[in-house]
Amino acid sequence: MRLCTIILINSFFFMIADAGEPPIRQRIENSVKTALKSFDSNKPVEIYLATRATPTPDTFKWDTKPSQFFIGADLADHPNLLEFTTHCAAAHLVNNSYTKNRVASLVTFFAPTILLGTATVATFGETTTGALAGCVAISWLICSKLGLHQKIQDHFYKQAYQAACKKLIDQNNMKPIASYTAYSLLIKHGPLTQETRNKIIKQALESKGYILEAEYKKDPETCKVTIKNEKTNALMGESTIELTSAGLGSFKFNQ
């Protein structure tokens, strides 16, 4: 297998553009195009496939930059996980979330500096280098203390999950939602926390009259997710995932 590009994102998301596996790349490309089309977009997107790594809450399984899509290998391997994830990515891309996040972060970072700098001018009649340095330091401390940068970033990921769920529900396509929810409940990863992701999915389903239920079992560790029509109790989608190696985050779908 030939590795063409190695990319580091947020200091923990290692990505590779794999030119040696046309089948999987073709599947990803087709899924991305389909997802973008469902959001009325045909923008070209570069695709990067992640190396496999032991998952942690800080391991991003997907992300986007302008015209770029990054996806974890385990998500790309499974058709339903791939479909759900590419819808999230498409929503993120169409919303220009990466660019909006950077702009909002800059505004958040410098707003206190500007305000404090203005106050300094009003008080002392001139802005000194020391005063500006102090304003920047205070601004950084305020943003860091409140976690504003993370909150801004999370806001756009939440929008992407909400939009992906809404689109798939409108298409009456519940299997990808059930499969991803089961995966999300068993495998640690980002973006967002497990609790936040699944709250968004559950609320999106409930708003359309569906009920999501999850059932856990031990030995082996499994999670079964079902989606039912609230009024008729009809089964709309289900998926069961089993951990085959908890430490490495290896899994298989039994249904």
Protein backbone atom coordinates (compact mmCIF):
# COMPACT_ATOMS: atom_id res chain seq x y z
CA MET A 1 0.00 0.00 0.00
CA ARG A 2 1.43 3.34 -1.04
CA LEU A 3 0.96 6.31 1.31
CA CYS A 4 0.76 9.59 -0.56
CA THR A 5 0.07 12.22 2.07
CA ILE A 6 0.33 12.37 5.83
CA ILE A 7 -1.61 15.10 7.63
CA LEU A 8 -1.82 16.07 11.30
CA ILE A 9 -5.04 17.71 12.49
CA ASN A 10 -5.47 19.28 15.93
CA SER A 11 -2.37 17.41 17.15
CA PHE A 12 -4.12 14.05 17.34
CA PHE A 13 -5.93 13.28 14.07
CA PHE A 14 -3.51 11.55 11.68
CA MET A 15 -4.82 11.26 8.14
CA ILE A 16 -3.50 9.60 4.99
CA ALA A 17 -4.62 9.92 1.41
CA ASP A 18 -4.53 6.32 0.24
CA ALA A 19 -4.03 5.85 -3.47
CA GLY A 20 -3.59 2.07 -3.23
CA GLU A 21 -7.21 1.05 -2.60
CA PRO A 22 -9.48 2.29 -5.41
CA PRO A 23 -12.55 0.33 -4.21
CA ILE A 24 -12.77 1.97 -0.77
CA ARG A 25 -11.85 5.38 -2.16
CA GLN A 26 -14.52 5.02 -4.81
CA ARG A 27 -17.10 4.11 -2.18
CA ILE A 28 -16.18 7.16 -0.13
CA GLU A 29 -16.25 9.45 -3.17
CA ASN A 30 -19.65 8.15 -4.24
CA SER A 31 -21.04 8.53 -0.73
CA VAL A 32 -19.69 12.08 -0.42
CA LYS A 33 -21.18 13.07 -3.77
CA THR A 34 -24.55 11.58 -2.84
CA ALA A 35 -24.56 13.32 0.55
CA LEU A 36 -23.58 16.67 -0.95
CA LYS A 37 -26.26 16.29 -3.62
CA SER A 38 -28.87 15.77 -0.91
CA PHE A 39 -27.83 19.18 0.43
CA ASP A 40 -28.04 20.66 -3.10
CA SER A 41 -24.30 20.93 -3.53
CA ASN A 42 -21.85 19.48 -6.06
CA LYS A 43 -18.68 21.13 -4.78
CA PRO A 44 -15.49 19.11 -5.38
CA VAL A 45 -14.00 17.60 -2.22
CA GLU A 46 -10.60 16.06 -1.53
CA ILE A 47 -10.86 12.87 0.54
CA TYR A 48 -8.38 11.72 3.18
CA LEU A 49 -8.59 8.31 4.83
CA ALA A 50 -7.39 7.91 8.43
CA THR A 51 -4.97 5.37 9.78
CA ARG A 52 -6.39 2.95 12.32
CA ALA A 53 -5.61 3.87 15.92
CA THR A 54 -6.82 3.00 19.40
CA PRO A 55 -9.82 5.31 19.86
CA THR A 56 -10.02 7.85 22.66
CA PRO A 57 -12.53 10.65 23.34
CA ASP A 58 -10.04 12.96 21.59
CA THR A 59 -9.80 10.84 18.43
CA PHE A 60 -11.74 12.57 15.71
CA LYS A 61 -13.38 10.04 13.39
CA TRP A 62 -14.34 12.68 10.81
CA ASP A 63 -13.68 16.32 10.11
CA THR A 64 -13.69 18.85 7.29
CA LYS A 65 -11.76 21.82 6.03
CA PRO A 66 -12.77 23.90 3.00
CA SER A 67 -13.16 21.36 0.14
CA GLN A 68 -11.55 18.59 2.26
CA PHE A 69 -13.08 15.61 4.04
CA PHE A 70 -11.27 13.45 6.60
CA ILE A 71 -12.73 10.10 7.69
CA GLY A 72 -11.62 7.27 9.98
CA ALA A 73 -10.97 3.90 8.36
CA ASP A 74 -13.51 2.03 10.51
CA LEU A 75 -16.27 4.46 9.48
CA ALA A 76 -15.27 4.18 5.84
CA ASP A 77 -15.32 0.35 5.94
CA HIS A 78 -18.97 0.05 6.91
CA PRO A 79 -21.57 1.29 4.37
CA ASN A 80 -24.08 2.56 6.95
CA LEU A 81 -21.44 4.31 9.06
CA LEU A 82 -20.01 5.81 5.89
CA GLU A 83 -23.41 7.07 4.78
CA PHE A 84 -24.17 8.72 8.10
CA THR A 85 -20.72 10.28 8.37
CA THR A 86 -20.68 11.67 4.84
CA HIS A 87 -24.03 13.33 5.52
CA CYS A 88 -22.50 14.96 8.63
CA ALA A 89 -19.49 16.06 6.59
CA ALA A 90 -21.66 17.35 3.74
CA ALA A 91 -23.70 19.44 6.18
CA HIS A 92 -20.47 20.73 7.73
CA LEU A 93 -19.04 21.64 4.32
CA VAL A 94 -22.20 23.25 2.93
CA ASN A 95 -22.49 25.34 6.09
CA ASN A 96 -18.87 26.46 5.65
CA SER A 97 -18.43 25.45 9.28
CA TYR A 98 -14.62 25.42 9.27
CA THR A 99 -14.38 28.99 7.96
CA LYS A 100 -17.17 30.26 10.21
CA ASN A 101 -15.49 28.61 13.20
CA ARG A 102 -12.18 30.33 12.48
CA VAL A 103 -13.81 33.74 12.00
CA ALA A 104 -15.91 33.39 15.16
CA SER A 105 -12.87 32.24 17.13
CA LEU A 106 -10.86 35.26 16.00
CA VAL A 107 -13.68 37.64 16.87
CA THR A 108 -14.09 35.98 20.27
CA PHE A 109 -10.36 36.14 20.89
CA PHE A 110 -9.82 39.77 19.93
CA ALA A 111 -13.07 41.34 21.16
CA PRO A 112 -11.85 41.66 24.79
CA THR A 113 -8.53 42.98 23.48
CA ILE A 114 -10.23 45.69 21.45
CA LEU A 115 -12.51 46.66 24.33
CA LEU A 116 -9.69 46.73 26.84
CA GLY A 117 -7.46 48.59 24.39
CA THR A 118 -10.16 51.22 23.92
CA ALA A 119 -10.48 51.56 27.68
CA THR A 120 -6.73 52.03 27.94
CA VAL A 121 -6.79 54.81 25.35
CA ALA A 122 -9.67 56.52 27.14
CA THR A 123 -7.86 56.31 30.45
CA PHE A 124 -4.28 57.12 29.53
CA GLY A 125 -4.70 59.00 26.28
CA GLU A 126 -2.48 56.57 24.37
CA THR A 127 -2.12 52.84 23.80
CA THR A 128 1.22 51.48 24.90
CA THR A 129 2.84 48.21 23.88
CA GLY A 130 2.58 47.00 27.45
CA ALA A 131 -1.10 47.85 27.61
CA LEU A 132 -1.85 45.97 24.38
CA ALA A 133 0.17 42.98 25.54
CA GLY A 134 -1.80 42.98 28.75
CA CYS A 135 -5.07 43.17 26.84
CA VAL A 136 -4.10 40.23 24.64
CA ALA A 137 -3.08 38.21 27.68
CA ILE A 138 -6.34 38.99 29.48
CA SER A 139 -8.30 38.18 26.29
CA TRP A 140 -6.56 34.80 26.01
CA LEU A 141 -7.25 34.04 29.67
CA ILE A 142 -10.93 34.95 29.32
CA CYS A 143 -11.41 32.76 26.24
CA SER A 144 -9.42 29.91 27.74
CA LYS A 145 -11.23 30.05 31.08
CA LEU A 146 -14.67 30.03 29.48
CA GLY A 147 -13.72 27.46 26.82
CA LEU A 148 -15.19 29.72 24.14
CA HIS A 149 -13.09 28.39 21.28
CA GLN A 150 -14.21 24.81 21.96
CA LYS A 151 -17.83 25.92 22.34
CA ILE A 152 -17.74 27.66 18.97
CA GLN A 153 -16.25 24.60 17.29
CA ASP A 154 -18.77 22.29 18.95
CA HIS A 155 -21.64 24.52 17.84
CA PHE A 156 -20.93 23.80 14.18
CA TYR A 157 -20.44 20.07 14.77
CA LYS A 158 -23.83 19.99 16.51
CA GLN A 159 -25.41 21.69 13.51
CA ALA A 160 -23.83 19.08 11.22
CA TYR A 161 -25.20 16.14 13.22
CA GLN A 162 -28.64 17.75 13.41
CA ALA A 163 -28.73 18.41 9.67
CA ALA A 164 -27.51 14.89 8.82
CA CYS A 165 -30.16 13.28 11.02
CA LYS A 166 -32.92 15.48 9.61
CA LYS A 167 -31.91 14.68 6.03
CA LEU A 168 -31.77 10.91 6.61
CA ILE A 169 -35.08 10.94 8.52
CA ASP A 170 -36.73 12.88 5.71
CA GLN A 171 -35.44 10.21 3.32
CA ASN A 172 -36.90 7.52 5.62
CA ASN A 173 -33.37 6.11 5.80
CA MET A 174 -33.06 4.93 9.39
CA LYS A 175 -30.44 2.17 9.11
CA PRO A 176 -27.43 4.55 8.97
CA ILE A 177 -28.76 6.41 12.02
CA ALA A 178 -29.21 3.17 13.98
CA SER A 179 -25.78 1.84 12.97
CA TYR A 180 -23.96 5.06 13.83
CA THR A 181 -25.75 5.39 17.16
CA ALA A 182 -24.76 1.83 18.13
CA TYR A 183 -21.19 2.55 17.06
CA SER A 184 -21.19 5.87 18.93
CA LEU A 185 -22.37 4.21 22.14
CA LEU A 186 -19.59 1.62 22.08
CA ILE A 187 -16.58 3.34 20.49
CA LYS A 188 -14.97 6.41 22.07
CA HIS A 189 -14.35 9.23 19.59
CA GLY A 190 -14.94 12.81 18.59
CA PRO A 191 -16.17 15.23 17.41
CA LEU A 192 -18.40 16.10 20.37
CA THR A 193 -18.89 13.95 23.44
CA GLN A 194 -20.76 10.66 23.30
CA GLU A 195 -23.57 12.14 25.39
CA THR A 196 -23.94 15.20 23.14
CA ARG A 197 -23.91 13.21 19.90
CA ASN A 198 -26.55 10.76 21.03
CA LYS A 199 -28.73 13.47 22.56
CA ILE A 200 -28.79 15.25 19.19
CA ILE A 201 -29.69 12.03 17.35
CA LYS A 202 -32.40 11.08 19.84
CA GLN A 203 -33.98 14.55 19.80
CA ALA A 204 -33.93 14.65 15.99
CA LEU A 205 -35.81 11.35 15.86
CA GLU A 206 -38.29 12.32 18.58
CA SER A 207 -39.12 15.56 16.79
CA LYS A 208 -40.26 13.47 13.81
CA GLY A 209 -42.25 10.96 15.86
CA TYR A 210 -39.70 8.18 16.30
CA ILE A 211 -38.30 6.46 19.40
CA LEU A 212 -34.69 5.40 19.75
CA GLU A 213 -33.85 2.61 22.22
CA ALA A 214 -30.47 1.11 23.12
CA GLU A 215 -29.83 -2.24 24.80
CA TYR A 216 -26.44 -3.23 26.26
CA LYS A 217 -25.13 -6.73 26.93
CA LYS A 218 -21.87 -8.06 28.40
CA ASP A 219 -19.71 -11.04 27.42
CA PRO A 220 -19.37 -10.17 24.63
CA GLU A 221 -20.00 -6.46 24.96
CA THR A 222 -22.73 -5.54 22.51
CA CYS A 223 -25.11 -2.66 21.88
CA LYS A 224 -28.39 -3.03 20.01
CA VAL A 225 -30.16 0.09 18.77
CA THR A 226 -33.72 0.14 17.45
CA ILE A 227 -35.73 2.97 15.92
CA LYS A 228 -39.52 2.66 16.03
CA ASN A 229 -42.49 4.70 14.96
CA GLU A 230 -43.91 6.22 18.13
CA LYS A 231 -47.55 5.86 17.04
CA THR A 232 -47.52 2.43 15.38
CA ASN A 233 -44.50 0.88 17.14
CA ALA A 234 -43.33 -0.28 13.70
CA LEU A 235 -39.63 -1.07 13.47
CA MET A 236 -37.97 1.51 11.20
CA GLY A 237 -34.33 0.55 11.68
CA GLU A 238 -32.04 -1.49 13.90
CA SER A 239 -28.38 -2.35 14.31
CA THR A 240 -26.28 -4.46 16.68
CA ILE A 241 -22.57 -3.90 17.20
CA GLU A 242 -20.15 -6.14 19.11
CA LEU A 243 -16.75 -5.20 20.52
CA THR A 244 -14.20 -7.81 19.46
CA SER A 245 -11.23 -6.09 21.13
CA ALA A 246 -12.15 -3.41 23.64
CA GLY A 247 -8.62 -2.07 24.08
CA LEU A 248 -8.13 -1.55 20.34
CA GLY A 249 -11.68 -0.51 19.64
CA SER A 250 -12.20 -3.35 17.18
CA PHE A 251 -15.81 -4.22 16.42
CA LYS A 252 -18.17 -6.02 14.10
CA PHE A 253 -21.81 -5.57 13.18
CA ASN A 254 -24.03 -8.55 13.83
CA GLN A 255 -27.05 -6.93 12.26
